[in-house]
């Protein structure tokens, strides 16, 4: 966990770094045929993962990951993490995140007919304010003893021979037939989403192309 990185992420979705009007007016469209195409590619990814799960490259990668997670350095990181969340600074950050959760719980609604999620513009403003508060907490932690402790713990964990072995196994998997199979299916899923998912402005389909592309970059697609 590096506070600067997390703060940067939060900044990307805050009012200071992103156009609130674009957030409020964004519209996402996908046809039934497009949805079917995306779901088909998602199933292909799942089937490929199941097909390769017991292959040697995957087994080796999994074994290396388990050894890395059992190292003393990773354990020390986990202990540090527990101490942080139990501290005053951690509790302050937790409260700010809980405020974000309250806004989502109260104002994010699902359309029972379409399954789409909806939030009123006023609530979006409230959510933006709460995220600004969270971002403020991360900025306050930058350079603190906790920030330095996390950086030191991360550096130690990544300097172990177990992590080096994990990196080698990851590279081996990427270059294996199994890795190439999975990469191919993931690429086809991405192409299906790009082809069938349309992001536009509610008031006009001729919105600034760069703004629309930035909105597309921030989308998270979950398939079930």
C-alpha atoms as a PDB file:
ATOM      1  CA  UNK A   1       0.000   0.000   0.000  1.00  0.00           C
ATOM      2  CA  UNK A   2       1.544   3.291  -1.048  1.00  0.00           C
ATOM      3  CA  UNK A   3      -0.411   6.350  -0.033  1.00  0.00           C
ATOM      4  CA  UNK A   4       0.746   8.471  -2.963  1.00  0.00           C
ATOM      5  CA  UNK A   5      -0.464   5.885  -5.455  1.00  0.00           C
ATOM      6  CA  UNK A   6      -3.846   5.540  -3.781  1.00  0.00           C
ATOM      7  CA  UNK A   7      -4.209   9.293  -3.527  1.00  0.00           C
ATOM      8  CA  UNK A   8      -3.444   9.582  -7.225  1.00  0.00           C
ATOM      9  CA  UNK A   9      -6.201   7.066  -7.995  1.00  0.00           C
ATOM     10  CA  UNK A  10      -8.687   8.927  -5.832  1.00  0.00           C
ATOM     11  CA  UNK A  11      -7.652  12.186  -7.415  1.00  0.00           C
ATOM     12  CA  UNK A  12      -8.544  10.770 -10.816  1.00  0.00           C
ATOM     13  CA  UNK A  13     -12.178  10.434  -9.746  1.00  0.00           C
ATOM     14  CA  UNK A  14     -12.402  13.595  -7.646  1.00  0.00           C
ATOM     15  CA  UNK A  15     -13.894  16.902  -8.686  1.00  0.00           C
ATOM     16  CA  UNK A  16     -10.420  18.415  -8.849  1.00  0.00           C
ATOM     17  CA  UNK A  17      -9.163  16.040 -11.528  1.00  0.00           C
ATOM     18  CA  UNK A  18     -12.303  15.050 -13.415  1.00  0.00           C
ATOM     19  CA  UNK A  19     -15.119  17.049 -14.982  1.00  0.00           C
ATOM     20  CA  UNK A  20     -18.180  16.662 -12.719  1.00  0.00           C
ATOM     21  CA  UNK A  21     -20.536  17.539 -15.563  1.00  0.00           C
ATOM     22  CA  UNK A  22     -19.179  14.644 -17.603  1.00  0.00           C
ATOM     23  CA  UNK A  23     -19.693  12.273 -14.672  1.00  0.00           C
ATOM     24  CA  UNK A  24     -23.278  13.475 -14.248  1.00  0.00           C
ATOM     25  CA  UNK A  25     -24.148  13.265 -17.937  1.00  0.00           C
ATOM     26  CA  UNK A  26     -22.411  10.065 -19.013  1.00  0.00           C
ATOM     27  CA  UNK A  27     -24.515   7.434 -20.759  1.00  0.00           C
ATOM     28  CA  UNK A  28     -23.480   3.832 -21.393  1.00  0.00           C
ATOM     29  CA  UNK A  29     -25.297   1.830 -24.071  1.00  0.00           C
ATOM     30  CA  UNK A  30     -25.052  -1.779 -25.179  1.00  0.00           C
ATOM     31  CA  UNK A  31     -27.495  -3.683 -27.391  1.00  0.00           C
ATOM     32  CA  UNK A  32     -28.776  -7.157 -26.566  1.00  0.00           C
ATOM     33  CA  UNK A  33     -26.662  -8.548 -29.384  1.00  0.00           C
ATOM     34  CA  UNK A  34     -23.656  -6.654 -28.046  1.00  0.00           C
ATOM     35  CA  UNK A  35     -24.282  -7.944 -24.541  1.00  0.00           C
ATOM     36  CA  UNK A  36     -24.482 -11.494 -25.891  1.00  0.00           C
ATOM     37  CA  UNK A  37     -21.186 -11.014 -27.733  1.00  0.00           C
ATOM     38  CA  UNK A  38     -19.459  -9.730 -24.595  1.00  0.00           C
ATOM     39  CA  UNK A  39     -20.877 -12.564 -22.474  1.00  0.00           C
ATOM     40  CA  UNK A  40     -19.734 -15.111 -25.057  1.00  0.00           C
ATOM     41  CA  UNK A  41     -16.158 -13.857 -24.896  1.00  0.00           C
ATOM     42  CA  UNK A  42     -16.309 -13.749 -21.090  1.00  0.00           C
ATOM     43  CA  UNK A  43     -17.397 -17.417 -21.063  1.00  0.00           C
ATOM     44  CA  UNK A  44     -14.481 -18.245 -23.358  1.00  0.00           C
ATOM     45  CA  UNK A  45     -12.102 -16.643 -20.868  1.00  0.00           C
ATOM     46  CA  UNK A  46     -13.614 -18.651 -18.018  1.00  0.00           C
ATOM     47  CA  UNK A  47     -13.445 -21.907 -19.986  1.00  0.00           C
ATOM     48  CA  UNK A  48      -9.821 -21.268 -20.943  1.00  0.00           C
ATOM     49  CA  UNK A  49      -8.904 -20.597 -17.321  1.00  0.00           C
ATOM     50  CA  UNK A  50     -10.566 -23.844 -16.296  1.00  0.00           C
ATOM     51  CA  UNK A  51      -8.805 -25.701 -19.110  1.00  0.00           C
ATOM     52  CA  UNK A  52      -5.336 -24.543 -18.099  1.00  0.00           C
ATOM     53  CA  UNK A  53      -5.732 -24.456 -14.304  1.00  0.00           C
ATOM     54  CA  UNK A  54      -3.941 -27.791 -13.777  1.00  0.00           C
ATOM     55  CA  UNK A  55      -1.214 -27.237 -16.369  1.00  0.00           C
ATOM     56  CA  UNK A  56       2.414 -27.128 -15.275  1.00  0.00           C
ATOM     57  CA  UNK A  57       2.986 -23.369 -15.878  1.00  0.00           C
ATOM     58  CA  UNK A  58      -0.109 -22.512 -13.839  1.00  0.00           C
ATOM     59  CA  UNK A  59       0.763 -24.956 -11.053  1.00  0.00           C
ATOM     60  CA  UNK A  60       4.292 -23.582 -10.863  1.00  0.00           C
ATOM     61  CA  UNK A  61       3.049 -20.008 -10.774  1.00  0.00           C
ATOM     62  CA  UNK A  62       0.592 -20.861  -8.016  1.00  0.00           C
ATOM     63  CA  UNK A  63       3.245 -22.654  -5.964  1.00  0.00           C
ATOM     64  CA  UNK A  64       5.604 -19.677  -6.245  1.00  0.00           C
ATOM     65  CA  UNK A  65       2.822 -17.301  -5.198  1.00  0.00           C
ATOM     66  CA  UNK A  66       2.067 -19.407  -2.117  1.00  0.00           C
ATOM     67  CA  UNK A  67       5.731 -19.508  -1.103  1.00  0.00           C
ATOM     68  CA  UNK A  68       5.995 -15.743  -1.492  1.00  0.00           C
ATOM     69  CA  UNK A  69       2.877 -15.128   0.604  1.00  0.00           C
ATOM     70  CA  UNK A  70       4.282 -17.325   3.392  1.00  0.00           C
ATOM     71  CA  UNK A  71       7.542 -15.374   3.712  1.00  0.00           C
ATOM     72  CA  UNK A  72       8.493 -13.558   6.917  1.00  0.00           C
ATOM     73  CA  UNK A  73       8.559 -10.277   5.000  1.00  0.00           C
ATOM     74  CA  UNK A  74       4.966 -10.610   3.805  1.00  0.00           C
ATOM     75  CA  UNK A  75       3.903 -11.555   7.346  1.00  0.00           C
ATOM     76  CA  UNK A  76       5.618  -8.411   8.665  1.00  0.00           C
ATOM     77  CA  UNK A  77       3.718  -6.375   6.058  1.00  0.00           C
ATOM     78  CA  UNK A  78       0.433  -7.882   7.225  1.00  0.00           C
ATOM     79  CA  UNK A  79       1.269  -7.099  10.864  1.00  0.00           C
ATOM     80  CA  UNK A  80       2.040  -3.501   9.889  1.00  0.00           C
ATOM     81  CA  UNK A  81      -1.244  -3.275   8.016  1.00  0.00           C
ATOM     82  CA  UNK A  82      -3.213  -4.419  11.088  1.00  0.00           C
ATOM     83  CA  UNK A  83      -1.396  -1.904  13.276  1.00  0.00           C
ATOM     84  CA  UNK A  84      -2.187   0.913  10.860  1.00  0.00           C
ATOM     85  CA  UNK A  85      -5.921   0.210  10.705  1.00  0.00           C
ATOM     86  CA  UNK A  86      -6.028  -0.002  14.518  1.00  0.00           C
ATOM     87  CA  UNK A  87      -4.242   3.350  14.850  1.00  0.00           C
ATOM     88  CA  UNK A  88      -5.854   6.790  15.041  1.00  0.00           C
ATOM     89  CA  UNK A  89      -4.767   7.529  11.468  1.00  0.00           C
ATOM     90  CA  UNK A  90      -6.216   4.244  10.251  1.00  0.00           C
ATOM     91  CA  UNK A  91      -9.503   4.804  12.067  1.00  0.00           C
ATOM     92  CA  UNK A  92      -9.802   8.306  10.577  1.00  0.00           C
ATOM     93  CA  UNK A  93      -9.282   6.879   7.094  1.00  0.00           C
ATOM     94  CA  UNK A  94     -11.757   4.081   7.790  1.00  0.00           C
ATOM     95  CA  UNK A  95     -14.441   6.585   8.847  1.00  0.00           C
ATOM     96  CA  UNK A  96     -14.001   8.565   5.643  1.00  0.00           C
ATOM     97  CA  UNK A  97     -14.357   5.390   3.555  1.00  0.00           C
ATOM     98  CA  UNK A  98     -17.473   4.455   5.570  1.00  0.00           C
ATOM     99  CA  UNK A  99     -18.983   7.845   4.681  1.00  0.00           C
ATOM    100  CA  UNK A 100     -18.431   6.991   1.007  1.00  0.00           C
ATOM    101  CA  UNK A 101     -20.175   3.662   1.594  1.00  0.00           C
ATOM    102  CA  UNK A 102     -23.161   5.371   3.240  1.00  0.00           C
ATOM    103  CA  UNK A 103     -23.715   7.627   0.236  1.00  0.00           C
ATOM    104  CA  UNK A 104     -23.586   4.627  -2.109  1.00  0.00           C
ATOM    105  CA  UNK A 105     -25.924   2.582   0.085  1.00  0.00           C
ATOM    106  CA  UNK A 106     -28.479   5.379   0.357  1.00  0.00           C
ATOM    107  CA  UNK A 107     -28.458   6.715  -3.190  1.00  0.00           C
ATOM    108  CA  UNK A 108     -27.300   3.983  -5.575  1.00  0.00           C
ATOM    109  CA  UNK A 109     -30.391   2.200  -6.881  1.00  0.00           C
ATOM    110  CA  UNK A 110     -30.928  -0.612  -9.343  1.00  0.00           C
ATOM    111  CA  UNK A 111     -33.608  -0.407 -12.011  1.00  0.00           C
ATOM    112  CA  UNK A 112     -35.523  -3.672 -11.545  1.00  0.00           C
ATOM    113  CA  UNK A 113     -36.556  -3.775 -15.200  1.00  0.00           C
ATOM    114  CA  UNK A 114     -33.228  -3.072 -16.851  1.00  0.00           C
ATOM    115  CA  UNK A 115     -30.804  -3.963 -14.067  1.00  0.00           C
ATOM    116  CA  UNK A 116     -29.036  -0.624 -14.591  1.00  0.00           C
ATOM    117  CA  UNK A 117     -27.609   1.273 -11.616  1.00  0.00           C
ATOM    118  CA  UNK A 118     -28.736   4.872 -11.096  1.00  0.00           C
ATOM    119  CA  UNK A 119     -27.678   7.727  -8.855  1.00  0.00           C
ATOM    120  CA  UNK A 120     -29.211  11.230  -8.856  1.00  0.00           C
ATOM    121  CA  UNK A 121     -26.934  14.108  -9.784  1.00  0.00           C
ATOM    122  CA  UNK A 122     -27.210  15.627  -6.289  1.00  0.00           C
ATOM    123  CA  UNK A 123     -26.030  12.368  -4.761  1.00  0.00           C
ATOM    124  CA  UNK A 124     -23.122  12.256  -7.219  1.00  0.00           C
ATOM    125  CA  UNK A 125     -22.030  15.626  -5.840  1.00  0.00           C
ATOM    126  CA  UNK A 126     -22.222  14.220  -2.294  1.00  0.00           C
ATOM    127  CA  UNK A 127     -20.175  11.194  -3.365  1.00  0.00           C
ATOM    128  CA  UNK A 128     -17.563  13.473  -4.934  1.00  0.00           C
ATOM    129  CA  UNK A 129     -17.315  15.450  -1.672  1.00  0.00           C
ATOM    130  CA  UNK A 130     -16.833  12.274   0.363  1.00  0.00           C
ATOM    131  CA  UNK A 131     -14.157  11.019  -2.041  1.00  0.00           C
ATOM    132  CA  UNK A 132     -12.404  14.376  -1.701  1.00  0.00           C
ATOM    133  CA  UNK A 133     -12.336  13.795   2.073  1.00  0.00           C
ATOM    134  CA  UNK A 134     -10.803  10.353   1.551  1.00  0.00           C
ATOM    135  CA  UNK A 135      -8.230  11.808  -0.806  1.00  0.00           C
ATOM    136  CA  UNK A 136      -7.402  14.411   1.833  1.00  0.00           C
ATOM    137  CA  UNK A 137      -6.670  11.666   4.349  1.00  0.00           C
ATOM    138  CA  UNK A 138      -4.273   9.928   1.944  1.00  0.00           C
ATOM    139  CA  UNK A 139      -2.499  13.201   1.195  1.00  0.00           C
ATOM    140  CA  UNK A 140      -2.160  13.834   4.936  1.00  0.00           C
ATOM    141  CA  UNK A 141      -0.484  10.432   5.296  1.00  0.00           C
ATOM    142  CA  UNK A 142       2.077  11.083   2.561  1.00  0.00           C
ATOM    143  CA  UNK A 143       5.542  11.250   4.101  1.00  0.00           C
ATOM    144  CA  UNK A 144       4.228  10.144   7.503  1.00  0.00           C
ATOM    145  CA  UNK A 145       5.739   7.357   9.599  1.00  0.00           C
ATOM    146  CA  UNK A 146       3.063   5.039   8.229  1.00  0.00           C
ATOM    147  CA  UNK A 147       3.868   5.909   4.626  1.00  0.00           C
ATOM    148  CA  UNK A 148       7.574   5.307   5.248  1.00  0.00           C
ATOM    149  CA  UNK A 149       6.866   2.048   7.094  1.00  0.00           C
ATOM    150  CA  UNK A 150       4.713   0.731   4.243  1.00  0.00           C
ATOM    151  CA  UNK A 151       7.337   1.628   1.662  1.00  0.00           C
ATOM    152  CA  UNK A 152      10.075  -0.077   3.679  1.00  0.00           C
ATOM    153  CA  UNK A 153       7.952  -3.210   4.233  1.00  0.00           C
ATOM    154  CA  UNK A 154       7.061  -3.395   0.548  1.00  0.00           C
ATOM    155  CA  UNK A 155      10.694  -2.992  -0.490  1.00  0.00           C
ATOM    156  CA  UNK A 156      11.751  -5.839   1.827  1.00  0.00           C
ATOM    157  CA  UNK A 157       9.011  -8.167   0.557  1.00  0.00           C
ATOM    158  CA  UNK A 158       9.927  -7.533  -3.073  1.00  0.00           C
ATOM    159  CA  UNK A 159      13.620  -8.110  -2.391  1.00  0.00           C
ATOM    160  CA  UNK A 160      13.166 -11.742  -1.340  1.00  0.00           C
ATOM    161  CA  UNK A 161      14.276 -14.706  -3.412  1.00  0.00           C
ATOM    162  CA  UNK A 162      10.669 -15.955  -3.274  1.00  0.00           C
ATOM    163  CA  UNK A 163       9.430 -12.855  -5.060  1.00  0.00           C
ATOM    164  CA  UNK A 164      12.220 -13.163  -7.628  1.00  0.00           C
ATOM    165  CA  UNK A 165      11.093 -16.751  -8.268  1.00  0.00           C
ATOM    166  CA  UNK A 166       7.496 -15.555  -8.592  1.00  0.00           C
ATOM    167  CA  UNK A 167       8.551 -13.017 -11.243  1.00  0.00           C
ATOM    168  CA  UNK A 168      10.382 -15.716 -13.192  1.00  0.00           C
ATOM    169  CA  UNK A 169       7.403 -18.066 -13.028  1.00  0.00           C
ATOM    170  CA  UNK A 170       5.090 -15.246 -14.159  1.00  0.00           C
ATOM    171  CA  UNK A 171       7.326 -14.578 -17.155  1.00  0.00           C
ATOM    172  CA  UNK A 172       7.422 -18.292 -17.962  1.00  0.00           C
ATOM    173  CA  UNK A 173       3.628 -18.499 -17.814  1.00  0.00           C
ATOM    174  CA  UNK A 174       3.269 -15.458 -20.075  1.00  0.00           C
ATOM    175  CA  UNK A 175       5.439 -17.103 -22.722  1.00  0.00           C
ATOM    176  CA  UNK A 176       3.848 -20.555 -22.407  1.00  0.00           C
ATOM    177  CA  UNK A 177       1.117 -21.953 -24.671  1.00  0.00           C
ATOM    178  CA  UNK A 178      -1.294 -21.680 -21.745  1.00  0.00           C
ATOM    179  CA  UNK A 179      -0.412 -18.040 -21.173  1.00  0.00           C
ATOM    180  CA  UNK A 180      -0.793 -17.246 -24.851  1.00  0.00           C
ATOM    181  CA  UNK A 181      -4.198 -18.985 -24.918  1.00  0.00           C
ATOM    182  CA  UNK A 182      -5.449 -16.895 -22.007  1.00  0.00           C
ATOM    183  CA  UNK A 183      -3.996 -13.701 -23.495  1.00  0.00           C
ATOM    184  CA  UNK A 184      -5.814 -14.387 -26.773  1.00  0.00           C
ATOM    185  CA  UNK A 185      -9.162 -14.831 -25.036  1.00  0.00           C
ATOM    186  CA  UNK A 186      -8.670 -11.753 -22.858  1.00  0.00           C
ATOM    187  CA  UNK A 187      -7.819  -9.714 -25.957  1.00  0.00           C
ATOM    188  CA  UNK A 188     -10.987 -10.920 -27.705  1.00  0.00           C
ATOM    189  CA  UNK A 189     -13.051  -9.973 -24.649  1.00  0.00           C
ATOM    190  CA  UNK A 190     -11.532  -6.494 -24.657  1.00  0.00           C
ATOM    191  CA  UNK A 191     -12.273  -6.104 -28.373  1.00  0.00           C
ATOM    192  CA  UNK A 192     -15.892  -7.210 -27.848  1.00  0.00           C
ATOM    193  CA  UNK A 193     -16.335  -4.591 -25.121  1.00  0.00           C
ATOM    194  CA  UNK A 194     -14.753  -1.866 -27.246  1.00  0.00           C
ATOM    195  CA  UNK A 195     -16.930  -2.786 -30.229  1.00  0.00           C
ATOM    196  CA  UNK A 196     -20.265  -3.163 -28.450  1.00  0.00           C
ATOM    197  CA  UNK A 197     -20.128  -0.780 -25.494  1.00  0.00           C
ATOM    198  CA  UNK A 198     -20.967   2.803 -26.466  1.00  0.00           C
ATOM    199  CA  UNK A 199     -20.167   5.718 -24.161  1.00  0.00           C
ATOM    200  CA  UNK A 200     -21.806   9.025 -25.020  1.00  0.00           C
ATOM    201  CA  UNK A 201     -22.917  12.307 -23.509  1.00  0.00           C
ATOM    202  CA  UNK A 202     -26.602  12.502 -22.595  1.00  0.00           C
ATOM    203  CA  UNK A 203     -27.123  15.814 -24.367  1.00  0.00           C
ATOM    204  CA  UNK A 204     -25.112  15.159 -27.489  1.00  0.00           C
ATOM    205  CA  UNK A 205     -23.396  12.277 -29.260  1.00  0.00           C
ATOM    206  CA  UNK A 206     -20.812  14.722 -30.620  1.00  0.00           C
ATOM    207  CA  UNK A 207     -19.040  15.300 -27.280  1.00  0.00           C
ATOM    208  CA  UNK A 208     -15.338  15.953 -27.168  1.00  0.00           C
ATOM    209  CA  UNK A 209     -13.727  12.671 -28.187  1.00  0.00           C
ATOM    210  CA  UNK A 210     -10.908  12.943 -25.629  1.00  0.00           C
ATOM    211  CA  UNK A 211     -13.402  13.397 -22.762  1.00  0.00           C
ATOM    212  CA  UNK A 212     -15.365  10.339 -23.866  1.00  0.00           C
ATOM    213  CA  UNK A 213     -12.187   8.277 -24.175  1.00  0.00           C
ATOM    214  CA  UNK A 214     -11.137   9.273 -20.649  1.00  0.00           C
ATOM    215  CA  UNK A 215     -14.530   8.152 -19.370  1.00  0.00           C
ATOM    216  CA  UNK A 216     -14.153   4.829 -21.178  1.00  0.00           C
ATOM    217  CA  UNK A 217     -10.742   4.331 -19.587  1.00  0.00           C
ATOM    218  CA  UNK A 218     -12.299   4.649 -16.133  1.00  0.00           C
ATOM    219  CA  UNK A 219     -15.047   2.080 -16.682  1.00  0.00           C
ATOM    220  CA  UNK A 220     -14.986  -1.177 -14.773  1.00  0.00           C
ATOM    221  CA  UNK A 221     -16.823  -4.076 -16.423  1.00  0.00           C
ATOM    222  CA  UNK A 222     -17.937  -6.960 -14.205  1.00  0.00           C
ATOM    223  CA  UNK A 223     -19.235 -10.136 -15.828  1.00  0.00           C
ATOM    224  CA  UNK A 224     -21.214 -12.802 -14.004  1.00  0.00           C
END
